[in-house]
Protein backbone atom coordinates (compact mmCIF):
# COMPACT_ATOMS: atom_id res chain seq x y z
CA MET A 1 82.25 -6.71 126.84
CA ASN A 2 80.96 -7.04 130.39
CA VAL A 3 79.44 -4.37 132.62
CA LYS A 4 82.53 -3.82 134.76
CA SER A 5 84.69 -2.99 131.76
CA LEU A 6 82.01 -0.61 130.45
CA LEU A 7 81.97 1.23 133.78
CA ASN A 8 85.70 1.87 133.49
CA LEU A 9 85.43 3.59 130.08
CA SER A 10 85.37 7.34 129.66
CA VAL A 11 82.43 9.19 128.13
CA ALA A 12 84.43 9.81 124.97
CA GLN A 13 85.18 6.10 124.62
CA LEU A 14 81.52 5.22 125.13
CA LYS A 15 80.47 7.76 122.49
CA ARG A 16 83.06 6.30 120.10
CA MET A 17 81.68 2.79 120.74
CA VAL A 18 78.12 3.96 120.01
CA ALA A 19 79.24 5.65 116.79
CA LEU A 20 81.13 2.54 115.67
CA LYS A 21 78.15 0.33 116.43
CA ALA A 22 75.86 2.59 114.38
CA LYS A 23 78.37 2.55 111.51
CA ILE A 24 78.57 -1.26 111.64
CA GLU A 25 74.76 -1.49 111.49
CA ARG A 26 74.63 0.86 108.49
CA LEU A 27 77.31 -1.15 106.70
CA GLN A 28 75.51 -4.41 107.43
CA SER A 29 72.26 -3.06 106.01
CA ARG A 30 74.11 -1.89 102.87
CA LEU A 31 75.73 -5.31 102.54
CA GLU A 32 72.35 -7.01 102.88
CA ALA A 33 70.91 -4.71 100.22
CA LEU A 34 73.74 -5.64 97.87
CA ALA A 35 73.42 -9.36 98.62
CA GLY A 36 69.64 -9.24 98.25
CA THR A 37 68.83 -10.67 101.68
CA ALA A 38 65.80 -9.49 103.59
CA SER A 39 67.27 -8.87 107.04
CA ALA A 40 70.04 -9.94 109.38
CA THR A 41 67.65 -11.75 111.71
CA SER A 42 66.19 -13.94 109.00
CA ALA A 43 69.62 -14.63 107.51
CA GLY A 44 70.69 -16.39 110.71
CA LYS A 45 67.77 -18.83 110.77
CA PRO A 46 66.83 -20.93 107.77
CA ASP A 47 63.12 -21.19 107.09
CA ARG A 48 61.83 -24.58 108.08
CA LYS A 49 58.64 -25.84 106.53
CA ARG A 50 56.39 -27.86 108.77
CA ARG A 51 56.03 -31.40 107.58
CA ILE A 52 52.53 -32.49 106.78
CA MET A 53 51.59 -36.01 107.78
CA SER A 54 48.97 -37.88 105.82
CA ALA A 55 45.85 -39.21 107.49
CA ALA A 56 47.01 -42.75 106.83
CA ALA A 57 50.33 -42.12 108.57
CA ARG A 58 48.58 -40.55 111.58
CA ARG A 59 46.24 -43.55 111.77
CA LYS A 60 49.18 -45.97 111.57
CA ILE A 61 50.99 -44.19 114.42
CA SER A 62 47.79 -44.08 116.47
CA LEU A 63 47.16 -47.79 116.05
CA ALA A 64 50.77 -48.60 116.98
CA ALA A 65 50.50 -46.49 120.14
CA LYS A 66 47.21 -48.15 121.09
CA ALA A 67 48.77 -51.58 120.58
CA ARG A 68 51.72 -50.62 122.81
CA TRP A 69 49.36 -49.45 125.55
CA ALA A 70 47.27 -52.61 125.23
CA ARG A 71 50.39 -54.78 125.62
CA ALA A 72 51.51 -52.74 128.62
CA LYS A 73 48.11 -53.02 130.29
CA LYS A 74 47.93 -56.74 129.56
CA LYS A 75 51.41 -57.29 130.98
CA GLY A 76 50.63 -55.31 134.13
CA SER A 77 47.25 -56.97 134.83
CA LYS A 78 48.67 -60.29 136.08
CA GLY A 79 47.56 -59.52 139.61
CA THR A 80 50.74 -57.75 140.65
CA ASN A 81 50.99 -54.10 141.31
CA SER A 82 53.55 -52.49 139.05
CA THR A 83 56.04 -51.40 141.70
CA GLY A 84 59.09 -52.31 139.62
CA PRO A 85 61.37 -49.88 137.84
CA ARG A 86 59.71 -47.58 135.36
CA PHE A 87 62.64 -47.53 132.95
CA ARG A 88 64.53 -50.28 131.22
CA GLU A 89 67.85 -51.18 132.72
C-alpha cells in the first residue's frame, strides 16, 4: 500500500489495519514456535558457510595471477605504449 492510499483511509480503518498487522505477527510467531524455527528473519535466508581455501590452493592461484601479469608486462614492453583497447573485442 502506498502513502497516498494510506492518507485517504479513516482513523478507524488505520486502527483496524494496525490490529490486523499485530494479529498476523502473533500468528506468525505461534506458527514458528510450532514449526521449531528460530525467527522469521532467519527463515528467509539460508545460512551459508564460508568456504575455506587451503594454503596450496591459495598459492596456486597466486602463482597463476603472477604468471598472467608477467605475460601482460612482457607483451606490453615491446616499445609501444599500450594505447589500444583495454577489453577484448
